[in-house]
Structure formats: structure tokens, C-alpha cells
């Protein structure tokens, strides 16, 4: 059975869909803690270009990744519809709170037919190793992030440690 296919009882996996430039991406809703409006971020010295800063979310240090920069696009410019998707992802062998800066968030939804195809090998403008698969929503492509591969272990080591709770 393909990843994301219908589960027992006919229930389909749900995704949070978000816009980055003209593409629609998705993350599994079970990983998402909350979706925030833009807010000021603390800069992180010597951070990689895609790490736009840190935010405090209920006492947790959350690094924020600019998805545009990570995907090789020009950096994000804050707009009224910009959002930070806060989630817990296993990255570099550790559970990491992470914020994904997206141009906008659309909805929580199942994908058409619950089917997910493998990522394409060619013909895409972003690196396919970040992609778990491709589905469709209302006939349009939806690219599903592989959050465990969005950061390399070397990049993860550059992130500040979460403050002790």
C-alpha cells in the first residue's frame, strides 16, 4: 500500500497544505503543533542562510526555516498571509521543534484518493531528497515534505539546543 493510502475504516491521512512561491507543499497534520502569524525572530549568529531565526513558543526555542531559501528560491518577504508552521520533526536522529516559514497556509485536508507517488527524479526546480512523495488535491499537485531530510545532520548540529524545561 502506498504511503498515505486509506487506513482501516476508510480514514485517509490528513495534511496541512502550504504555499511556497507557486507550489503547494504538505506536512502530515499529526506532526503540526500550531500555525502562527509572522512575529519577530531572534537572529542566530553564524546560522545557515535558510535559518531565519528563533522564536519562543510556550517556553520552547524553535528554529525557523525559510522554506523559500531552503528550496533555492529568493528569501521570504513577510506578508499578511505568511505563516510559521510549528511542528516536531525527527531530524538528524533527534526530535526537534521546528518552524517552517511559508508564504501561506491553505487547509487541513486529505489528498485525492489518498494516493502518493514517489518524488520525480527530473523536471523539478527543488531538490527531490526533501520530498517524500507527490499527491493531488482538486487535481493539482501537492508535494509532501520529508521533514527528516529537510536538514542534514551537519545543519542540525548548527541549530541551538532547546532550553531545558
N, C-alpha and C. Protein backbone atom coordinates (compact mmCIF):
# COMPACT_ATOMS: atom_id res chain seq x y z
N UNK A 1 0.86 -1.17 0.00
CA UNK A 1 0.00 0.00 0.00
C UNK A 1 0.89 1.22 0.00
N UNK A 2 0.61 2.23 -0.80
CA UNK A 2 1.40 3.45 -0.89
C UNK A 2 1.28 4.25 0.39
N UNK A 3 2.35 4.99 0.71
CA UNK A 3 2.30 5.85 1.90
C UNK A 3 1.13 6.80 1.77
N UNK A 4 0.42 6.99 2.87
CA UNK A 4 -0.70 7.92 2.86
C UNK A 4 -1.98 7.33 2.31
N UNK A 5 -1.97 6.08 1.90
CA UNK A 5 -3.18 5.48 1.37
C UNK A 5 -4.22 5.34 2.48
N UNK A 6 -5.42 5.01 2.08
CA UNK A 6 -6.52 4.90 3.05
C UNK A 6 -6.16 3.90 4.14
N UNK A 7 -6.51 4.24 5.37
CA UNK A 7 -6.27 3.37 6.51
C UNK A 7 -7.53 2.57 6.79
N UNK A 8 -7.43 1.69 7.78
CA UNK A 8 -8.59 0.88 8.18
C UNK A 8 -9.77 1.79 8.47
N UNK A 9 -10.93 1.38 8.08
CA UNK A 9 -12.13 2.17 8.31
C UNK A 9 -12.32 3.26 7.27
N UNK A 10 -11.48 3.30 6.22
CA UNK A 10 -11.64 4.29 5.16
C UNK A 10 -11.11 5.67 5.49
N UNK A 11 -10.48 5.83 6.65
CA UNK A 11 -9.94 7.12 7.04
C UNK A 11 -8.65 7.40 6.27
N UNK A 12 -8.54 8.61 5.69
CA UNK A 12 -7.34 8.98 4.95
C UNK A 12 -6.46 9.87 5.81
N UNK A 13 -5.15 9.79 5.59
CA UNK A 13 -4.20 10.65 6.28
C UNK A 13 -4.50 12.11 5.91
N UNK A 14 -4.39 12.97 6.89
CA UNK A 14 -4.65 14.39 6.71
C UNK A 14 -3.33 15.15 6.64
N UNK A 15 -3.31 16.21 5.85
CA UNK A 15 -2.12 17.03 5.65
C UNK A 15 -2.47 18.50 5.82
N UNK A 16 -1.49 19.26 6.31
CA UNK A 16 -1.58 20.72 6.29
C UNK A 16 -0.92 21.14 4.99
N UNK A 17 -1.67 21.84 4.13
CA UNK A 17 -1.11 22.29 2.85
C UNK A 17 -0.68 23.74 2.97
N UNK A 18 0.47 24.02 2.37
CA UNK A 18 1.02 25.37 2.45
C UNK A 18 1.62 25.78 1.13
N UNK A 19 1.62 27.07 0.90
CA UNK A 19 2.13 27.61 -0.34
C UNK A 19 3.52 28.17 -0.17
N UNK A 20 4.39 27.82 -1.13
CA UNK A 20 5.73 28.38 -1.22
C UNK A 20 5.91 28.75 -2.67
N UNK A 21 6.00 30.05 -2.93
CA UNK A 21 6.04 30.56 -4.30
C UNK A 21 4.77 30.10 -5.00
N UNK A 22 4.88 29.40 -6.13
CA UNK A 22 3.67 28.95 -6.84
C UNK A 22 3.37 27.48 -6.62
N UNK A 23 4.09 26.83 -5.69
CA UNK A 23 3.89 25.41 -5.44
C UNK A 23 3.11 25.19 -4.15
N UNK A 24 2.45 24.02 -4.08
CA UNK A 24 1.71 23.63 -2.88
C UNK A 24 2.46 22.44 -2.26
N UNK A 25 2.81 22.60 -0.99
CA UNK A 25 3.51 21.56 -0.23
C UNK A 25 2.60 21.09 0.89
N UNK A 26 3.00 19.99 1.53
CA UNK A 26 2.19 19.45 2.62
C UNK A 26 3.07 18.81 3.67
N UNK A 27 2.58 18.85 4.92
CA UNK A 27 3.18 18.10 6.02
C UNK A 27 2.05 17.36 6.73
N UNK A 28 2.38 16.20 7.25
CA UNK A 28 1.40 15.37 7.96
C UNK A 28 0.86 16.17 9.15
N UNK A 29 -0.45 16.28 9.26
CA UNK A 29 -1.08 17.08 10.32
C UNK A 29 -0.70 16.58 11.71
N UNK A 30 -0.38 15.29 11.84
CA UNK A 30 -0.03 14.74 13.15
C UNK A 30 1.28 15.31 13.69
N UNK A 31 2.11 15.89 12.82
CA UNK A 31 3.38 16.48 13.25
C UNK A 31 3.23 17.95 13.64
N UNK A 32 2.14 18.57 13.22
CA UNK A 32 1.96 20.01 13.40
C UNK A 32 1.41 20.32 14.79
N UNK A 33 2.08 21.22 15.49
CA UNK A 33 1.62 21.68 16.81
C UNK A 33 0.72 22.89 16.70
N UNK A 34 1.12 23.84 15.86
CA UNK A 34 0.31 25.03 15.68
C UNK A 34 0.78 25.80 14.46
N UNK A 35 -0.07 26.75 14.05
CA UNK A 35 0.24 27.61 12.92
C UNK A 35 0.15 29.04 13.43
N UNK A 36 1.25 29.78 13.27
CA UNK A 36 1.36 31.12 13.84
C UNK A 36 1.45 32.18 12.76
N UNK A 37 0.94 33.36 13.09
CA UNK A 37 1.18 34.53 12.25
C UNK A 37 2.66 34.90 12.36
N UNK A 38 3.13 35.70 11.43
CA UNK A 38 4.51 36.18 11.49
C UNK A 38 4.73 36.91 12.81
N UNK A 39 5.96 36.83 13.30
CA UNK A 39 6.34 37.50 14.54
C UNK A 39 7.82 37.79 14.47
N UNK A 40 8.29 38.69 15.33
CA UNK A 40 9.73 38.97 15.36
C UNK A 40 10.51 37.71 15.73
N UNK A 41 11.70 37.58 15.15
CA UNK A 41 12.55 36.42 15.41
C UNK A 41 13.91 36.89 15.88
N UNK A 42 14.48 36.12 16.80
CA UNK A 42 15.84 36.39 17.25
C UNK A 42 16.81 35.82 16.21
N UNK A 43 17.78 36.60 15.84
CA UNK A 43 18.80 36.12 14.88
C UNK A 43 19.69 35.09 15.55
N UNK A 44 20.19 34.16 14.75
CA UNK A 44 21.12 33.15 15.24
C UNK A 44 22.46 33.41 14.57
N UNK A 45 23.49 33.77 15.35
CA UNK A 45 24.80 34.07 14.75
C UNK A 45 25.35 32.87 13.99
N UNK A 46 25.97 33.14 12.86
CA UNK A 46 26.62 32.12 12.01
C UNK A 46 25.67 31.03 11.53
N UNK A 47 24.39 31.35 11.46
CA UNK A 47 23.39 30.37 11.01
C UNK A 47 23.46 30.21 9.49
N UNK A 48 23.05 29.04 9.00
CA UNK A 48 22.94 28.89 7.54
C UNK A 48 21.88 29.85 7.00
N UNK A 49 21.97 30.22 5.74
CA UNK A 49 21.06 31.23 5.17
C UNK A 49 19.58 30.91 5.30
N UNK A 50 19.22 29.62 5.31
CA UNK A 50 17.80 29.26 5.38
C UNK A 50 17.23 29.35 6.79
N UNK A 51 18.09 29.48 7.81
CA UNK A 51 17.62 29.61 9.19
C UNK A 51 17.41 31.09 9.48
N UNK A 52 16.15 31.53 9.45
CA UNK A 52 15.86 32.96 9.57
C UNK A 52 15.84 33.45 11.01
N UNK A 53 15.79 32.55 11.97
CA UNK A 53 15.82 32.98 13.36
C UNK A 53 15.18 31.97 14.28
N UNK A 54 15.00 32.43 15.52
CA UNK A 54 14.39 31.60 16.57
C UNK A 54 13.18 32.35 17.12
N UNK A 55 12.16 31.57 17.50
CA UNK A 55 11.01 32.14 18.19
C UNK A 55 10.79 31.34 19.46
N UNK A 56 10.10 31.97 20.41
CA UNK A 56 9.72 31.29 21.64
C UNK A 56 8.28 30.85 21.47
N UNK A 57 8.05 29.55 21.65
CA UNK A 57 6.69 29.02 21.59
C UNK A 57 6.45 28.28 22.90
N UNK A 58 5.73 28.93 23.80
CA UNK A 58 5.41 28.37 25.11
C UNK A 58 6.66 27.86 25.85
N UNK A 59 7.71 28.70 25.84
CA UNK A 59 8.93 28.38 26.55
C UNK A 59 9.90 27.49 25.81
N UNK A 60 9.58 27.12 24.57
CA UNK A 60 10.48 26.29 23.75
C UNK A 60 11.18 27.16 22.72
N UNK A 61 12.48 26.94 22.55
CA UNK A 61 13.22 27.60 21.48
C UNK A 61 12.91 26.86 20.18
N UNK A 62 12.38 27.59 19.22
CA UNK A 62 12.01 26.96 17.95
C UNK A 62 12.75 27.65 16.81
N UNK A 63 13.70 26.93 16.16
CA UNK A 63 14.36 27.49 14.98
C UNK A 63 13.36 27.55 13.82
N UNK A 64 13.44 28.63 13.03
CA UNK A 64 12.51 28.82 11.93
C UNK A 64 13.28 28.75 10.61
N UNK A 65 12.84 27.83 9.75
CA UNK A 65 13.43 27.61 8.44
C UNK A 65 12.61 28.36 7.39
N UNK A 66 13.27 29.18 6.57
CA UNK A 66 12.60 29.82 5.44
C UNK A 66 12.53 28.79 4.32
N UNK A 67 11.34 28.26 4.08
CA UNK A 67 11.19 27.23 3.05
C UNK A 67 11.60 27.73 1.68
N UNK A 68 11.38 29.01 1.40
CA UNK A 68 11.78 29.55 0.09
C UNK A 68 13.29 29.41 -0.10
N UNK A 69 14.06 29.86 0.88
CA UNK A 69 15.51 29.78 0.78
C UNK A 69 15.97 28.33 0.73
N UNK A 70 15.37 27.48 1.56
CA UNK A 70 15.76 26.07 1.59
C UNK A 70 15.52 25.39 0.25
N UNK A 71 14.51 25.84 -0.46
CA UNK A 71 14.18 25.25 -1.76
C UNK A 71 14.89 25.95 -2.92
N UNK A 72 15.81 26.89 -2.60
CA UNK A 72 16.59 27.54 -3.64
C UNK A 72 15.90 28.74 -4.27
N UNK A 73 14.88 29.27 -3.62
CA UNK A 73 14.17 30.45 -4.10
C UNK A 73 14.66 31.69 -3.37
N UNK A 74 14.33 32.89 -3.86
CA UNK A 74 14.70 34.10 -3.11
C UNK A 74 14.07 34.07 -1.72
N UNK A 75 14.72 34.71 -0.73
CA UNK A 75 14.20 34.69 0.65
C UNK A 75 12.77 35.22 0.74
N UNK A 76 12.10 34.77 1.80
CA UNK A 76 10.72 35.20 2.05
C UNK A 76 10.68 36.68 2.41
N UNK A 77 9.64 37.33 1.96
CA UNK A 77 9.34 38.69 2.37
C UNK A 77 8.03 38.59 3.15
N UNK A 78 8.07 39.03 4.40
CA UNK A 78 6.88 38.91 5.25
C UNK A 78 5.68 39.60 4.59
N UNK A 79 4.57 38.89 4.56
CA UNK A 79 3.32 39.41 4.00
C UNK A 79 2.21 39.04 4.98
N UNK A 80 1.04 39.68 4.87
CA UNK A 80 -0.05 39.37 5.80
C UNK A 80 -0.43 37.90 5.84
N UNK A 81 -0.29 37.17 4.73
CA UNK A 81 -0.68 35.76 4.71
C UNK A 81 0.47 34.82 5.08
N UNK A 82 1.69 35.32 5.34
CA UNK A 82 2.81 34.48 5.74
C UNK A 82 2.50 33.79 7.07
N UNK A 83 2.93 32.55 7.21
CA UNK A 83 2.67 31.79 8.43
C UNK A 83 3.90 30.98 8.81
N UNK A 84 3.98 30.67 10.11
CA UNK A 84 5.01 29.77 10.63
C UNK A 84 4.30 28.51 11.11
N UNK A 85 4.62 27.39 10.48
CA UNK A 85 4.05 26.11 10.88
C UNK A 85 5.02 25.50 11.89
N UNK A 86 4.57 25.36 13.13
CA UNK A 86 5.40 24.82 14.20
C UNK A 86 5.10 23.34 14.34
N UNK A 87 6.15 22.53 14.28
CA UNK A 87 5.97 21.08 14.34
C UNK A 87 7.13 20.43 15.06
N UNK A 88 6.96 19.16 15.36
CA UNK A 88 8.04 18.35 15.90
C UNK A 88 8.46 17.40 14.81
N UNK A 89 9.74 17.43 14.48
CA UNK A 89 10.26 16.58 13.42
C UNK A 89 11.47 15.83 13.93
N UNK A 90 11.63 14.60 13.46
CA UNK A 90 12.86 13.89 13.77
C UNK A 90 13.87 14.27 12.70
N UNK A 91 14.89 14.98 13.14
CA UNK A 91 15.90 15.50 12.22
C UNK A 91 17.27 15.15 12.79
N UNK A 92 18.10 14.52 11.97
CA UNK A 92 19.44 14.19 12.41
C UNK A 92 19.46 13.26 13.62
N UNK A 93 18.45 12.40 13.73
CA UNK A 93 18.40 11.43 14.81
C UNK A 93 17.87 11.97 16.12
N UNK A 94 17.37 13.20 16.13
CA UNK A 94 16.78 13.72 17.38
C UNK A 94 15.46 14.42 17.08
N UNK A 95 14.57 14.40 18.07
CA UNK A 95 13.28 15.10 17.96
C UNK A 95 13.57 16.59 18.11
N UNK A 96 13.09 17.39 17.17
CA UNK A 96 13.43 18.80 17.13
C UNK A 96 12.19 19.63 16.88
N UNK A 97 11.92 20.63 17.74
CA UNK A 97 10.85 21.56 17.40
C UNK A 97 11.36 22.42 16.24
N UNK A 98 10.51 22.65 15.28
CA UNK A 98 10.93 23.34 14.07
C UNK A 98 9.80 24.21 13.56
N UNK A 99 10.13 25.40 13.10
CA UNK A 99 9.16 26.27 12.47
C UNK A 99 9.46 26.33 10.98
N UNK A 100 8.44 26.19 10.16
CA UNK A 100 8.57 26.31 8.71
C UNK A 100 7.89 27.58 8.27
N UNK A 101 8.65 28.53 7.75
CA UNK A 101 8.09 29.78 7.26
C UNK A 101 7.57 29.56 5.84
N UNK A 102 6.27 29.71 5.67
CA UNK A 102 5.62 29.51 4.37
C UNK A 102 4.96 30.81 3.92
N UNK A 103 4.79 30.96 2.62
CA UNK A 103 4.12 32.15 2.09
C UNK A 103 2.67 32.20 2.57
N UNK A 104 2.05 31.03 2.70
CA UNK A 104 0.69 30.95 3.22
C UNK A 104 0.35 29.51 3.58
N UNK A 105 -0.67 29.35 4.42
CA UNK A 105 -1.19 28.03 4.76
C UNK A 105 -2.60 27.97 4.21
N UNK A 106 -2.93 26.86 3.54
CA UNK A 106 -4.24 26.75 2.90
C UNK A 106 -5.27 26.05 3.78
N UNK A 107 -5.02 24.76 4.10
CA UNK A 107 -6.05 23.99 4.79
C UNK A 107 -5.47 22.70 5.34
N UNK A 108 -6.27 22.02 6.14
CA UNK A 108 -6.00 20.65 6.55
C UNK A 108 -6.92 19.79 5.68
N UNK A 109 -6.33 18.82 4.98
CA UNK A 109 -7.11 18.06 4.01
C UNK A 109 -6.49 16.70 3.75
N UNK A 110 -7.29 15.82 3.21
CA UNK A 110 -6.79 14.56 2.66
C UNK A 110 -6.43 14.82 1.20
N UNK A 111 -5.59 13.99 0.65
CA UNK A 111 -5.24 14.11 -0.76
C UNK A 111 -6.21 13.28 -1.59
N UNK A 112 -6.40 13.67 -2.84
CA UNK A 112 -7.31 12.96 -3.73
C UNK A 112 -6.96 11.48 -3.78
N UNK A 113 -7.91 10.64 -3.43
CA UNK A 113 -7.72 9.20 -3.49
C UNK A 113 -6.74 8.65 -2.47
N UNK A 114 -6.15 9.51 -1.65
CA UNK A 114 -5.19 9.07 -0.66
C UNK A 114 -3.90 8.52 -1.25
N UNK A 115 -3.71 8.69 -2.54
CA UNK A 115 -2.54 8.13 -3.22
C UNK A 115 -1.38 9.11 -3.22
N UNK A 116 -0.18 8.54 -2.96
CA UNK A 116 1.05 9.33 -3.02
C UNK A 116 2.03 8.61 -3.92
N UNK A 117 2.53 9.33 -4.91
CA UNK A 117 3.51 8.78 -5.85
C UNK A 117 4.91 9.14 -5.36
N UNK A 118 5.93 8.39 -5.76
CA UNK A 118 7.30 8.75 -5.41
C UNK A 118 7.67 10.10 -6.02
N UNK A 119 8.64 10.79 -5.42
CA UNK A 119 9.04 12.08 -5.99
C UNK A 119 9.66 11.89 -7.37
N UNK A 120 9.46 12.86 -8.25
CA UNK A 120 10.05 12.76 -9.59
C UNK A 120 11.57 12.89 -9.51
N UNK A 121 12.25 12.23 -10.41
CA UNK A 121 13.72 12.29 -10.46
C UNK A 121 14.21 13.52 -11.22
N UNK A 122 13.41 13.97 -12.19
CA UNK A 122 13.82 15.11 -13.00
C UNK A 122 12.62 16.04 -13.19
N UNK A 123 12.93 17.22 -13.70
CA UNK A 123 11.86 18.15 -14.06
C UNK A 123 11.28 18.93 -12.91
N UNK A 124 12.00 19.00 -11.77
CA UNK A 124 11.53 19.80 -10.66
C UNK A 124 12.55 20.88 -10.37
N UNK A 125 12.10 21.98 -9.80
CA UNK A 125 13.01 23.08 -9.54
C UNK A 125 13.55 23.10 -8.13
N UNK A 126 13.21 22.10 -7.33
CA UNK A 126 13.74 21.97 -5.97
C UNK A 126 14.34 20.60 -5.83
N UNK A 127 15.15 20.42 -4.79
CA UNK A 127 15.87 19.17 -4.58
C UNK A 127 14.91 18.07 -4.13
N UNK A 128 14.88 16.97 -4.86
CA UNK A 128 13.89 15.92 -4.59
C UNK A 128 14.18 15.14 -3.31
N UNK A 129 15.39 15.24 -2.74
CA UNK A 129 15.63 14.49 -1.50
C UNK A 129 14.83 15.04 -0.33
N UNK A 130 14.29 16.25 -0.44
CA UNK A 130 13.43 16.82 0.61
C UNK A 130 12.00 16.32 0.50
N UNK A 131 11.70 15.57 -0.55
CA UNK A 131 10.33 15.24 -0.90
C UNK A 131 10.03 13.77 -0.59
N UNK A 132 8.97 13.52 0.19
CA UNK A 132 8.54 12.16 0.50
C UNK A 132 7.69 11.60 -0.63
N UNK A 133 6.95 12.46 -1.32
CA UNK A 133 6.10 11.99 -2.40
C UNK A 133 5.26 13.13 -2.95
N UNK A 134 4.47 12.79 -3.93
CA UNK A 134 3.61 13.78 -4.59
C UNK A 134 2.19 13.22 -4.64
N UNK A 135 1.25 14.00 -4.18
CA UNK A 135 -0.16 13.65 -4.27
C UNK A 135 -0.89 14.71 -5.06
N UNK A 136 -2.20 14.65 -5.01
CA UNK A 136 -3.02 15.66 -5.69
C UNK A 136 -4.15 16.10 -4.78
N UNK A 137 -4.52 17.34 -4.93
CA UNK A 137 -5.67 17.92 -4.23
C UNK A 137 -6.43 18.73 -5.25
N UNK A 138 -7.69 18.36 -5.48
CA UNK A 138 -8.51 19.00 -6.51
C UNK A 138 -7.80 19.02 -7.86
N UNK A 139 -7.08 17.94 -8.15
CA UNK A 139 -6.41 17.79 -9.44
C UNK A 139 -5.05 18.45 -9.53
N UNK A 140 -4.66 19.29 -8.55
CA UNK A 140 -3.37 19.98 -8.59
C UNK A 140 -2.34 19.18 -7.77
N UNK A 141 -1.09 19.27 -8.16
CA UNK A 141 -0.02 18.57 -7.45
C UNK A 141 0.20 19.15 -6.06
N UNK A 142 0.47 18.26 -5.10
CA UNK A 142 0.83 18.63 -3.74
C UNK A 142 2.09 17.85 -3.41
N UNK A 143 3.15 18.57 -3.05
CA UNK A 143 4.44 17.96 -2.76
C UNK A 143 4.55 17.76 -1.25
N UNK A 144 4.78 16.53 -0.83
CA UNK A 144 4.84 16.21 0.60
C UNK A 144 6.29 16.22 1.06
N UNK A 145 6.57 17.07 2.06
CA UNK A 145 7.92 17.17 2.59
C UNK A 145 8.32 15.92 3.36
N UNK A 146 9.58 15.52 3.21
CA UNK A 146 10.22 14.53 4.07
C UNK A 146 11.00 15.35 5.08
N UNK A 147 10.38 15.63 6.23
CA UNK A 147 10.98 16.53 7.21
C UNK A 147 12.30 16.01 7.76
N UNK A 148 12.45 14.69 7.82
CA UNK A 148 13.69 14.14 8.34
C UNK A 148 14.87 14.43 7.42
N UNK A 149 14.60 14.81 6.19
CA UNK A 149 15.68 15.09 5.23
C UNK A 149 15.76 16.56 4.85
N UNK A 150 14.89 17.38 5.43
CA UNK A 150 14.91 18.81 5.12
C UNK A 150 16.20 19.46 5.61
N UNK A 151 16.75 18.91 6.70
CA UNK A 151 18.04 19.36 7.22
C UNK A 151 19.00 18.17 7.27
N UNK A 152 20.25 18.41 6.94
CA UNK A 152 21.26 17.37 7.09
C UNK A 152 21.70 17.32 8.55
N UNK A 153 22.38 16.26 8.94
CA UNK A 153 22.86 16.17 10.32
C UNK A 153 23.86 17.28 10.62
N UNK A 154 24.66 17.69 9.62
CA UNK A 154 25.60 18.79 9.83
C UNK A 154 24.85 20.10 10.10
N UNK A 155 23.77 20.31 9.36
CA UNK A 155 22.97 21.53 9.56
C UNK A 155 22.26 21.49 10.90
N UNK A 156 21.77 20.32 11.28
CA UNK A 156 21.10 20.17 12.57
C UNK A 156 22.04 20.51 13.71
N UNK A 157 23.31 20.14 13.57
CA UNK A 157 24.29 20.42 14.62
C UNK A 157 24.50 21.92 14.80
N UNK A 158 24.20 22.72 13.78
CA UNK A 158 24.34 24.17 13.88
C UNK A 158 23.20 24.83 14.63
N UNK A 159 22.09 24.10 14.81
CA UNK A 159 20.93 24.68 15.46
C UNK A 159 21.15 24.78 16.97
N UNK A 160 20.65 25.85 17.58
CA UNK A 160 20.78 25.96 19.03
C UNK A 160 20.01 24.86 19.72
N UNK A 161 20.53 24.41 20.85
CA UNK A 161 19.83 23.41 21.65
C UNK A 161 18.61 24.03 22.29
N UNK A 162 17.59 23.21 22.50
CA UNK A 162 16.39 23.68 23.20
C UNK A 162 16.75 23.90 24.65
N UNK A 163 16.22 25.00 25.21
CA UNK A 163 16.48 25.31 26.62
C UNK A 163 15.86 24.24 27.49
N UNK A 164 16.54 23.86 28.60
CA UNK A 164 15.95 22.87 29.49
C UNK A 164 14.61 23.35 30.03
N UNK A 165 13.65 22.42 30.11
CA UNK A 165 12.30 22.78 30.53
C UNK A 165 12.23 22.81 31.98
